[in-house]
Amino acid sequence: TLTVNESFYKSKPVFHVVGKGWTTGAVSWFFKVE
């Protein structure tokens, strides 16, 4: 997932983008990614 949030960094207005990735199903049994 990729999400664009609104936030502040040292009082400056910023886009806070969060990217997450994870394995599922059989693949996660032998190669887990988070």
Full PDB file with SEQRES, HELIX, SHEET, SSBOND, CRYST1, ORIGX, SCALE, CONECT and MASTER records, all heavy atoms in Angstrom:
SEQRES   1 A   34  THR LEU THR VAL ASN GLU SER PHE TYR LYS SER LYS PRO          
SEQRES   2 A   34  VAL PHE HIS VAL VAL GLY LYS GLY TRP THR THR GLY ALA          
SEQRES   3 A   34  VAL SER TRP PHE PHE LYS VAL GLU                              
HELIX    1 AA1 VAL A   27  PHE A   30  1                                   4    
SHEET    1 AA1 2 LEU A   2  TYR A   9  0                                        
SHEET    2 AA1 2 LYS A  12  GLY A  19 -1                                        
CRYST1    1.000    1.000    1.000  90.00  90.00  90.00 P 1           1          
ORIGX1      1.000000  0.000000  0.000000        0.00000                         
ORIGX2      0.000000  1.000000  0.000000        0.00000                         
ORIGX3      0.000000  0.000000  1.000000        0.00000                         
SCALE1      1.000000  0.000000  0.000000        0.00000                         
SCALE2      0.000000  1.000000  0.000000        0.00000                         
SCALE3      0.000000  0.000000  1.000000        0.00000                         
ATOM      1  N   THR A   1       0.837  -1.197   0.000  1.00  0.00           N  
ATOM      2  CA  THR A   1       0.000   0.000   0.000  1.00  0.00           C  
ATOM      3  C   THR A   1       0.874   1.249   0.000  1.00  0.00           C  
ATOM      4  O   THR A   1       1.998   1.243   0.496  1.00  0.00           O  
ATOM      5  CB  THR A   1      -0.932   0.048   1.224  1.00  0.00           C  
ATOM      6  OG1 THR A   1      -0.145   0.054   2.431  1.00  0.00           O  
ATOM      7  CG2 THR A   1      -1.891  -1.128   1.235  1.00  0.00           C  
ATOM      8  N   LEU A   2       0.329   2.312  -0.564  1.00  0.00           N  
ATOM      9  CA  LEU A   2       0.943   3.637  -0.525  1.00  0.00           C  
ATOM     10  C   LEU A   2      -0.116   4.628  -0.091  1.00  0.00           C  
ATOM     11  O   LEU A   2      -1.192   4.708  -0.695  1.00  0.00           O  
ATOM     12  CB  LEU A   2       1.483   4.032  -1.898  1.00  0.00           C  
ATOM     13  CG  LEU A   2       2.904   3.623  -2.282  1.00  0.00           C  
ATOM     14  CD1 LEU A   2       3.175   3.976  -3.745  1.00  0.00           C  
ATOM     15  CD2 LEU A   2       3.933   4.313  -1.382  1.00  0.00           C  
ATOM     16  N   THR A   3       0.165   5.394   0.955  1.00  0.00           N  
ATOM     17  CA  THR A   3      -0.812   6.328   1.503  1.00  0.00           C  
ATOM     18  C   THR A   3      -0.190   7.705   1.655  1.00  0.00           C  
ATOM     19  O   THR A   3       0.927   7.837   2.162  1.00  0.00           O  
ATOM     20  CB  THR A   3      -1.313   5.855   2.881  1.00  0.00           C  
ATOM     21  OG1 THR A   3      -1.754   4.505   2.793  1.00  0.00           O  
ATOM     22  CG2 THR A   3      -2.452   6.734   3.376  1.00  0.00           C  
ATOM     23  N   VAL A   4      -0.916   8.746   1.231  1.00  0.00           N  
ATOM     24  CA  VAL A   4      -0.459  10.124   1.392  1.00  0.00           C  
ATOM     25  C   VAL A   4      -1.238  10.763   2.540  1.00  0.00           C  
ATOM     26  O   VAL A   4      -2.452  10.971   2.436  1.00  0.00           O  
ATOM     27  CB  VAL A   4      -0.649  10.949   0.103  1.00  0.00           C  
ATOM     28  CG1 VAL A   4      -0.134  12.383   0.317  1.00  0.00           C  
ATOM     29  CG2 VAL A   4       0.087  10.301  -1.059  1.00  0.00           C  
ATOM     30  N   ASN A   5      -0.546  11.055   3.629  1.00  0.00           N  
ATOM     31  CA  ASN A   5      -1.148  11.708   4.791  1.00  0.00           C  
ATOM     32  C   ASN A   5      -0.698  13.156   4.872  1.00  0.00           C  
ATOM     33  O   ASN A   5       0.223  13.579   4.167  1.00  0.00           O  
ATOM     34  CB  ASN A   5      -0.740  10.982   6.079  1.00  0.00           C  
ATOM     35  CG  ASN A   5      -1.125   9.513   6.067  1.00  0.00           C  
ATOM     36  OD1 ASN A   5      -2.273   9.180   5.820  1.00  0.00           O  
ATOM     37  ND2 ASN A   5      -0.159   8.635   6.315  1.00  0.00           N  
ATOM     38  N   GLU A   6      -1.338  13.894   5.757  1.00  0.00           N  
ATOM     39  CA  GLU A   6      -0.966  15.291   5.998  1.00  0.00           C  
ATOM     40  C   GLU A   6      -0.328  15.389   7.368  1.00  0.00           C  
ATOM     41  O   GLU A   6      -0.821  14.807   8.335  1.00  0.00           O  
ATOM     42  CB  GLU A   6      -2.188  16.190   5.911  1.00  0.00           C  
ATOM     43  CG  GLU A   6      -1.864  17.672   5.935  1.00  0.00           C  
ATOM     44  CD  GLU A   6      -3.073  18.529   5.615  1.00  0.00           C  
ATOM     45  OE1 GLU A   6      -4.208  18.093   5.944  1.00  0.00           O  
ATOM     46  OE2 GLU A   6      -2.909  19.613   5.041  1.00  0.00           O  
ATOM     47  N   SER A   7       0.787  16.130   7.465  1.00  0.00           N  
ATOM     48  CA  SER A   7       1.468  16.226   8.749  1.00  0.00           C  
ATOM     49  C   SER A   7       2.305  17.507   8.779  1.00  0.00           C  
ATOM     50  O   SER A   7       2.246  18.331   7.859  1.00  0.00           O  
ATOM     51  CB  SER A   7       2.346  14.993   8.977  1.00  0.00           C  
ATOM     52  OG  SER A   7       2.898  14.993  10.265  1.00  0.00           O  
ATOM     53  N   PHE A   8       3.087  17.644   9.856  1.00  0.00           N  
ATOM     54  CA  PHE A   8       4.034  18.751   9.984  1.00  0.00           C  
ATOM     55  C   PHE A   8       5.405  18.182  10.338  1.00  0.00           C  
ATOM     56  O   PHE A   8       5.508  17.228  11.108  1.00  0.00           O  
ATOM     57  CB  PHE A   8       3.588  19.736  11.071  1.00  0.00           C  
ATOM     58  CG  PHE A   8       2.403  20.562  10.676  1.00  0.00           C  
ATOM     59  CD1 PHE A   8       1.120  20.103  10.924  1.00  0.00           C  
ATOM     60  CD2 PHE A   8       2.573  21.795  10.059  1.00  0.00           C  
ATOM     61  CE1 PHE A   8       0.023  20.854  10.556  1.00  0.00           C  
ATOM     62  CE2 PHE A   8       1.476  22.553   9.687  1.00  0.00           C  
ATOM     63  CZ  PHE A   8       0.190  22.075   9.936  1.00  0.00           C  
ATOM     64  N   TYR A   9       6.422  18.778   9.778  1.00  0.00           N  
ATOM     65  CA  TYR A   9       7.792  18.409  10.128  1.00  0.00           C  
ATOM     66  C   TYR A   9       8.517  19.677  10.532  1.00  0.00           C  
ATOM     67  O   TYR A   9       8.710  20.583   9.726  1.00  0.00           O  
ATOM     68  CB  TYR A   9       8.497  17.748   8.938  1.00  0.00           C  
ATOM     69  CG  TYR A   9       9.930  17.385   9.242  1.00  0.00           C  
ATOM     70  CD1 TYR A   9      10.224  16.225   9.947  1.00  0.00           C  
ATOM     71  CD2 TYR A   9      10.983  18.209   8.853  1.00  0.00           C  
ATOM     72  CE1 TYR A   9      11.543  15.890  10.248  1.00  0.00           C  
ATOM     73  CE2 TYR A   9      12.296  17.891   9.146  1.00  0.00           C  
ATOM     74  CZ  TYR A   9      12.568  16.726   9.849  1.00  0.00           C  
ATOM     75  OH  TYR A   9      13.859  16.407  10.150  1.00  0.00           O  
ATOM     76  N   LYS A  10       8.848  19.763  11.824  1.00  0.00           N  
ATOM     77  CA  LYS A  10       9.480  20.962  12.366  1.00  0.00           C  
ATOM     78  C   LYS A  10       8.688  22.213  11.976  1.00  0.00           C  
ATOM     79  O   LYS A  10       9.231  23.187  11.448  1.00  0.00           O  
ATOM     80  CB  LYS A  10      10.935  21.068  11.906  1.00  0.00           C  
ATOM     81  CG  LYS A  10      11.816  19.940  12.422  1.00  0.00           C  
ATOM     82  CD  LYS A  10      13.268  20.087  11.996  1.00  0.00           C  
ATOM     83  CE  LYS A  10      14.117  18.955  12.576  1.00  0.00           C  
ATOM     84  NZ  LYS A  10      15.542  19.047  12.168  1.00  0.00           N  
ATOM     85  N   SER A  11       7.367  22.112  12.206  1.00  0.00           N  
ATOM     86  CA  SER A  11       6.401  23.206  11.987  1.00  0.00           C  
ATOM     87  C   SER A  11       6.128  23.509  10.517  1.00  0.00           C  
ATOM     88  O   SER A  11       5.394  24.448  10.201  1.00  0.00           O  
ATOM     89  CB  SER A  11       6.857  24.508  12.685  1.00  0.00           C  
ATOM     90  OG  SER A  11       7.006  24.289  14.071  1.00  0.00           O  
ATOM     91  N   LYS A  12       6.682  22.721   9.605  1.00  0.00           N  
ATOM     92  CA  LYS A  12       6.438  22.938   8.175  1.00  0.00           C  
ATOM     93  C   LYS A  12       5.402  21.934   7.677  1.00  0.00           C  
ATOM     94  O   LYS A  12       5.498  20.735   7.969  1.00  0.00           O  
ATOM     95  CB  LYS A  12       7.735  22.779   7.376  1.00  0.00           C  
ATOM     96  CG  LYS A  12       8.802  23.803   7.741  1.00  0.00           C  
ATOM     97  CD  LYS A  12      10.099  23.533   6.991  1.00  0.00           C  
ATOM     98  CE  LYS A  12      11.182  24.530   7.387  1.00  0.00           C  
ATOM     99  NZ  LYS A  12      12.479  24.243   6.714  1.00  0.00           N  
ATOM    100  N   PRO A  13       4.400  22.394   6.920  1.00  0.00           N  
ATOM    101  CA  PRO A  13       3.385  21.463   6.386  1.00  0.00           C  
ATOM    102  C   PRO A  13       3.993  20.517   5.362  1.00  0.00           C  
ATOM    103  O   PRO A  13       4.697  20.950   4.443  1.00  0.00           O  
ATOM    104  CB  PRO A  13       2.352  22.390   5.747  1.00  0.00           C  
ATOM    105  CG  PRO A  13       3.084  23.655   5.459  1.00  0.00           C  
ATOM    106  CD  PRO A  13       4.150  23.787   6.513  1.00  0.00           C  
ATOM    107  N   VAL A  14       3.747  19.219   5.533  1.00  0.00           N  
ATOM    108  CA  VAL A  14       4.346  18.224   4.648  1.00  0.00           C  
ATOM    109  C   VAL A  14       3.321  17.154   4.258  1.00  0.00           C  
ATOM    110  O   VAL A  14       2.299  16.966   4.928  1.00  0.00           O  
ATOM    111  CB  VAL A  14       5.550  17.523   5.323  1.00  0.00           C  
ATOM    112  CG1 VAL A  14       6.671  18.497   5.579  1.00  0.00           C  
ATOM    113  CG2 VAL A  14       5.120  16.817   6.609  1.00  0.00           C  
ATOM    114  N   PHE A  15       3.638  16.469   3.158  1.00  0.00           N  
ATOM    115  CA  PHE A  15       2.978  15.211   2.827  1.00  0.00           C  
ATOM    116  C   PHE A  15       3.752  14.101   3.524  1.00  0.00           C  
ATOM    117  O   PHE A  15       4.965  13.978   3.338  1.00  0.00           O  
ATOM    118  CB  PHE A  15       2.992  14.957   1.320  1.00  0.00           C  
ATOM    119  CG  PHE A  15       2.170  15.920   0.514  1.00  0.00           C  
ATOM    120  CD1 PHE A  15       2.783  16.805  -0.359  1.00  0.00           C  
ATOM    121  CD2 PHE A  15       0.787  15.931   0.616  1.00  0.00           C  
ATOM    122  CE1 PHE A  15       2.035  17.687  -1.116  1.00  0.00           C  
ATOM    123  CE2 PHE A  15       0.020  16.822  -0.135  1.00  0.00           C  
ATOM    124  CZ  PHE A  15       0.649  17.693  -0.994  1.00  0.00           C  
ATOM    125  N   HIS A  16       3.062  13.320   4.325  1.00  0.00           N  
ATOM    126  CA  HIS A  16       3.698  12.182   4.983  1.00  0.00           C  
ATOM    127  C   HIS A  16       3.257  10.935   4.232  1.00  0.00           C  
ATOM    128  O   HIS A  16       2.131  10.473   4.370  1.00  0.00           O  
ATOM    129  CB  HIS A  16       3.276  12.121   6.456  1.00  0.00           C  
ATOM    130  CG  HIS A  16       3.835  10.946   7.190  1.00  0.00           C  
ATOM    131  ND1 HIS A  16       3.279  10.459   8.349  1.00  0.00           N  
ATOM    132  CD2 HIS A  16       4.915  10.148   6.925  1.00  0.00           C  
ATOM    133  CE1 HIS A  16       3.979   9.416   8.769  1.00  0.00           C  
ATOM    134  NE2 HIS A  16       4.970   9.207   7.920  1.00  0.00           N  
ATOM    135  N   VAL A  17       4.141  10.399   3.408  1.00  0.00           N  
ATOM    136  CA  VAL A  17       3.820   9.236   2.585  1.00  0.00           C  
ATOM    137  C   VAL A  17       4.323   7.981   3.289  1.00  0.00           C  
ATOM    138  O   VAL A  17       5.481   7.912   3.705  1.00  0.00           O  
ATOM    139  CB  VAL A  17       4.460   9.343   1.185  1.00  0.00           C  
ATOM    140  CG1 VAL A  17       4.092   8.120   0.348  1.00  0.00           C  
ATOM    141  CG2 VAL A  17       4.026  10.626   0.485  1.00  0.00           C  
ATOM    142  N   VAL A  18       3.422   6.999   3.416  1.00  0.00           N  
ATOM    143  CA  VAL A  18       3.766   5.737   4.058  1.00  0.00           C  
ATOM    144  C   VAL A  18       3.575   4.601   3.062  1.00  0.00           C  
ATOM    145  O   VAL A  18       2.486   4.434   2.501  1.00  0.00           O  
ATOM    146  CB  VAL A  18       2.901   5.483   5.306  1.00  0.00           C  
ATOM    147  CG1 VAL A  18       3.273   4.143   5.947  1.00  0.00           C  
ATOM    148  CG2 VAL A  18       3.065   6.617   6.311  1.00  0.00           C  
ATOM    149  N   GLY A  19       4.631   3.828   2.843  1.00  0.00           N  
ATOM    150  CA  GLY A  19       4.548   2.657   1.977  1.00  0.00           C  
ATOM    151  C   GLY A  19       4.782   1.397   2.789  1.00  0.00           C  
ATOM    152  O   GLY A  19       5.729   1.330   3.583  1.00  0.00           O  
ATOM    153  N   LYS A  20       3.913   0.411   2.614  1.00  0.00           N  
ATOM    154  CA  LYS A  20       4.040  -0.863   3.327  1.00  0.00           C  
ATOM    155  C   LYS A  20       3.993  -2.006   2.324  1.00  0.00           C  
ATOM    156  O   LYS A  20       3.243  -1.953   1.343  1.00  0.00           O  
ATOM    157  CB  LYS A  20       2.915  -1.042   4.343  1.00  0.00           C  
ATOM    158  CG  LYS A  20       2.846   0.020   5.420  1.00  0.00           C  
ATOM    159  CD  LYS A  20       1.649  -0.231   6.340  1.00  0.00           C  
ATOM    160  CE  LYS A  20       1.490   0.852   7.376  1.00  0.00           C  
ATOM    161  NZ  LYS A  20       0.292   0.619   8.234  1.00  0.00           N  
ATOM    162  N   GLY A  21       4.767  -3.050   2.584  1.00  0.00           N  
ATOM    163  CA  GLY A  21       4.744  -4.233   1.733  1.00  0.00           C  
ATOM    164  C   GLY A  21       4.958  -5.478   2.560  1.00  0.00           C  
ATOM    165  O   GLY A  21       5.749  -5.469   3.505  1.00  0.00           O  
ATOM    166  N   TRP A  22       4.231  -6.550   2.222  1.00  0.00           N  
ATOM    167  CA  TRP A  22       4.360  -7.786   2.991  1.00  0.00           C  
ATOM    168  C   TRP A  22       3.994  -8.989   2.114  1.00  0.00           C  
ATOM    169  O   TRP A  22       3.212  -8.879   1.172  1.00  0.00           O  
ATOM    170  CB  TRP A  22       3.460  -7.747   4.227  1.00  0.00           C  
ATOM    171  CG  TRP A  22       1.994  -7.587   3.924  1.00  0.00           C  
ATOM    172  CD1 TRP A  22       1.063  -8.573   3.796  1.00  0.00           C  
ATOM    173  CD2 TRP A  22       1.289  -6.358   3.693  1.00  0.00           C  
ATOM    174  NE1 TRP A  22      -0.180  -8.049   3.501  1.00  0.00           N  
ATOM    175  CE2 TRP A  22      -0.067  -6.685   3.441  1.00  0.00           C  
ATOM    176  CE3 TRP A  22       1.670  -5.005   3.679  1.00  0.00           C  
ATOM    177  CZ2 TRP A  22      -1.031  -5.724   3.169  1.00  0.00           C  
ATOM    178  CZ3 TRP A  22       0.701  -4.046   3.412  1.00  0.00           C  
ATOM    179  CH2 TRP A  22      -0.622  -4.415   3.164  1.00  0.00           C  
ATOM    180  N   THR A  23       4.622 -10.112   2.400  1.00  0.00           N  
ATOM    181  CA  THR A  23       4.317 -11.338   1.670  1.00  0.00           C  
ATOM    182  C   THR A  23       3.079 -12.003   2.270  1.00  0.00           C  
ATOM    183  O   THR A  23       2.744 -11.809   3.434  1.00  0.00           O  
ATOM    184  CB  THR A  23       5.501 -12.317   1.737  1.00  0.00           C  
ATOM    185  OG1 THR A  23       5.955 -12.420   3.087  1.00  0.00           O  
ATOM    186  CG2 THR A  23       6.628 -11.875   0.845  1.00  0.00           C  
ATOM    187  N   THR A  24       2.405 -12.818   1.425  1.00  0.00           N  
ATOM    188  CA  THR A  24       1.215 -13.537   1.864  1.00  0.00           C  
ATOM    189  C   THR A  24       1.270 -14.970   1.337  1.00  0.00           C  
ATOM    190  O   THR A  24       2.061 -15.295   0.448  1.00  0.00           O  
ATOM    191  CB  THR A  24      -0.073 -12.867   1.338  1.00  0.00           C  
ATOM    192  OG1 THR A  24      -0.013 -12.824  -0.100  1.00  0.00           O  
ATOM    193  CG2 THR A  24      -0.237 -11.453   1.882  1.00  0.00           C  
ATOM    194  N   GLY A  25       0.408 -15.820   1.889  1.00  0.00           N  
ATOM    195  CA  GLY A  25       0.269 -17.179   1.383  1.00  0.00           C  
ATOM    196  C   GLY A  25       1.527 -18.009   1.494  1.00  0.00           C  
ATOM    197  O   GLY A  25       2.353 -17.841   2.391  1.00  0.00           O  
ATOM    198  N   ALA A  26       1.709 -18.896   0.499  1.00  0.00           N  
ATOM    199  CA  ALA A  26       2.806 -19.860   0.532  1.00  0.00           C  
ATOM    200  C   ALA A  26       4.171 -19.187   0.492  1.00  0.00           C  
ATOM    201  O   ALA A  26       5.134 -19.690   1.074  1.00  0.00           O  
ATOM    202  CB  ALA A  26       2.662 -20.837  -0.631  1.00  0.00           C  
ATOM    203  N   VAL A  27       4.268 -18.040  -0.201  1.00  0.00           N  
ATOM    204  CA  VAL A  27       5.561 -17.355  -0.309  1.00  0.00           C  
ATOM    205  C   VAL A  27       6.090 -16.962   1.069  1.00  0.00           C  
ATOM    206  O   VAL A  27       7.289 -17.064   1.348  1.00  0.00           O  
ATOM    207  CB  VAL A  27       5.439 -16.115  -1.213  1.00  0.00           C  
ATOM    208  CG1 VAL A  27       6.729 -15.296  -1.183  1.00  0.00           C  
ATOM    209  CG2 VAL A  27       5.126 -16.524  -2.643  1.00  0.00           C  
ATOM    210  N   SER A  28       5.193 -16.520   1.941  1.00  0.00           N  
ATOM    211  CA  SER A  28       5.632 -16.074   3.272  1.00  0.00           C  
ATOM    212  C   SER A  28       6.145 -17.228   4.126  1.00  0.00           C  
ATOM    213  O   SER A  28       6.810 -17.009   5.140  1.00  0.00           O  
ATOM    214  CB  SER A  28       4.483 -15.364   3.988  1.00  0.00           C  
ATOM    215  OG  SER A  28       3.398 -16.243   4.209  1.00  0.00           O  
ATOM    216  N   TRP A  29       5.853 -18.468   3.728  1.00  0.00           N  
ATOM    217  CA  TRP A  29       6.348 -19.615   4.500  1.00  0.00           C  
ATOM    218  C   TRP A  29       7.855 -19.755   4.378  1.00  0.00           C  
ATOM    219  O   TRP A  29       8.523 -20.145   5.337  1.00  0.00           O  
ATOM    220  CB  TRP A  29       5.675 -20.908   4.024  1.00  0.00           C  
ATOM    221  CG  TRP A  29       4.196 -20.932   4.202  1.00  0.00           C  
ATOM    222  CD1 TRP A  29       3.434 -20.087   4.953  1.00  0.00           C  
ATOM    223  CD2 TRP A  29       3.285 -21.851   3.588  1.00  0.00           C  
ATOM    224  NE1 TRP A  29       2.105 -20.410   4.849  1.00  0.00           N  
ATOM    225  CE2 TRP A  29       1.978 -21.492   4.019  1.00  0.00           C  
ATOM    226  CE3 TRP A  29       3.434 -22.935   2.730  1.00  0.00           C  
ATOM    227  CZ2 TRP A  29       0.848 -22.185   3.609  1.00  0.00           C  
ATOM    228  CZ3 TRP A  29       2.303 -23.622   2.315  1.00  0.00           C  
ATOM    229  CH2 TRP A  29       1.024 -23.252   2.757  1.00  0.00           C  
ATOM    230  N   PHE A  30       8.387 -19.463   3.173  1.00  0.00           N  
ATOM    231  CA  PHE A  30       9.829 -19.638   2.985  1.00  0.00           C  
ATOM    232  C   PHE A  30      10.581 -18.324   2.769  1.00  0.00           C  
ATOM    233  O   PHE A  30      11.815 -18.309   2.792  1.00  0.00           O  
ATOM    234  CB  PHE A  30      10.110 -20.588   1.816  1.00  0.00           C  
ATOM    235  CG  PHE A  30       9.555 -20.150   0.491  1.00  0.00           C  
ATOM    236  CD1 PHE A  30      10.282 -19.314  -0.336  1.00  0.00           C  
ATOM    237  CD2 PHE A  30       8.306 -20.587   0.059  1.00  0.00           C  
ATOM    238  CE1 PHE A  30       9.784 -18.909  -1.564  1.00  0.00           C  
ATOM    239  CE2 PHE A  30       7.801 -20.185  -1.171  1.00  0.00           C  
ATOM    240  CZ  PHE A  30       8.540 -19.349  -1.982  1.00  0.00           C  
ATOM    241  N   PHE A  31       9.860 -17.219   2.558  1.00  0.00           N  
ATOM    242  CA  PHE A  31      10.535 -15.928   2.405  1.00  0.00           C  
ATOM    243  C   PHE A  31       9.583 -14.829   2.889  1.00  0.00           C  
ATOM    244  O   PHE A  31       8.818 -14.267   2.122  1.00  0.00           O  
ATOM    245  CB  PHE A  31      10.933 -15.682   0.947  1.00  0.00           C  
ATOM    246  CG  PHE A  31      11.868 -14.511   0.774  1.00  0.00           C  
ATOM    247  CD1 PHE A  31      13.230 -14.663   0.998  1.00  0.00           C  
ATOM    248  CD2 PHE A  31      11.397 -13.272   0.389  1.00  0.00           C  
ATOM    249  CE1 PHE A  31      14.103 -13.591   0.835  1.00  0.00           C  
ATOM    250  CE2 PHE A  31      12.256 -12.193   0.222  1.00  0.00           C  
ATOM    251  CZ  PHE A  31      13.611 -12.363   0.450  1.00  0.00           C  
ATOM    252  N   LYS A  32       9.648 -14.550   4.170  1.00  0.00           N  
ATOM    253  CA  LYS A  32       8.744 -13.565   4.754  1.00  0.00           C  
ATOM    254  C   LYS A  32       9.294 -12.154   4.587  1.00  0.00           C  
ATOM    255  O   LYS A  32      10.467 -11.894   4.853  1.00  0.00           O  
ATOM    256  CB  LYS A  32       8.537 -13.861   6.248  1.00  0.00           C  
ATOM    257  CG  LYS A  32       7.483 -12.976   6.894  1.00  0.00           C  
ATOM    258  CD  LYS A  32       7.231 -13.393   8.331  1.00  0.00           C  
ATOM    259  CE  LYS A  32       6.141 -12.514   8.949  1.00  0.00           C  
ATOM    260  NZ  LYS A  32       5.842 -12.907  10.352  1.00  0.00           N  
ATOM    261  N   VAL A  33       8.433 -11.264   4.117  1.00  0.00           N  
ATOM    262  CA  VAL A  33       8.807  -9.863   3.933  1.00  0.00           C  
ATOM    263  C   VAL A  33       7.844  -8.975   4.706  1.00  0.00           C  
ATOM    264  O   VAL A  33       6.625  -9.169   4.652  1.00  0.00           O  
ATOM    265  CB  VAL A  33       8.782  -9.462   2.440  1.00  0.00           C  
ATOM    266  CG1 VAL A  33       8.952  -7.951   2.277  1.00  0.00           C  
ATOM    267  CG2 VAL A  33       9.871 -10.190   1.676  1.00  0.00           C  
ATOM    268  N   GLU A  34       8.393  -8.025   5.411  1.00  0.00           N  
ATOM    269  CA  GLU A  34       7.585  -7.002   6.086  1.00  0.00           C  
ATOM    270  C   GLU A  34       8.360  -5.695   6.033  1.00  0.00           C  
ATOM    271  O   GLU A  34       9.294  -5.480   6.799  1.00  0.00           O  
ATOM    272  CB  GLU A  34       7.299  -7.411   7.538  1.00  0.00           C  
ATOM    273  CG  GLU A  34       6.245  -6.548   8.190  1.00  0.00           C  
ATOM    274  CD  GLU A  34       5.760  -7.097   9.523  1.00  0.00           C  
ATOM    275  OE1 GLU A  34       6.076  -8.266   9.824  1.00  0.00           O  
ATOM    276  OE2 GLU A  34       5.081  -6.360  10.254  1.00  0.00           O  
TER     277      GLU A  34                                                      
MASTER        0    0    0    1    2    0    0    6  276    1    0    3          
END                                                                             
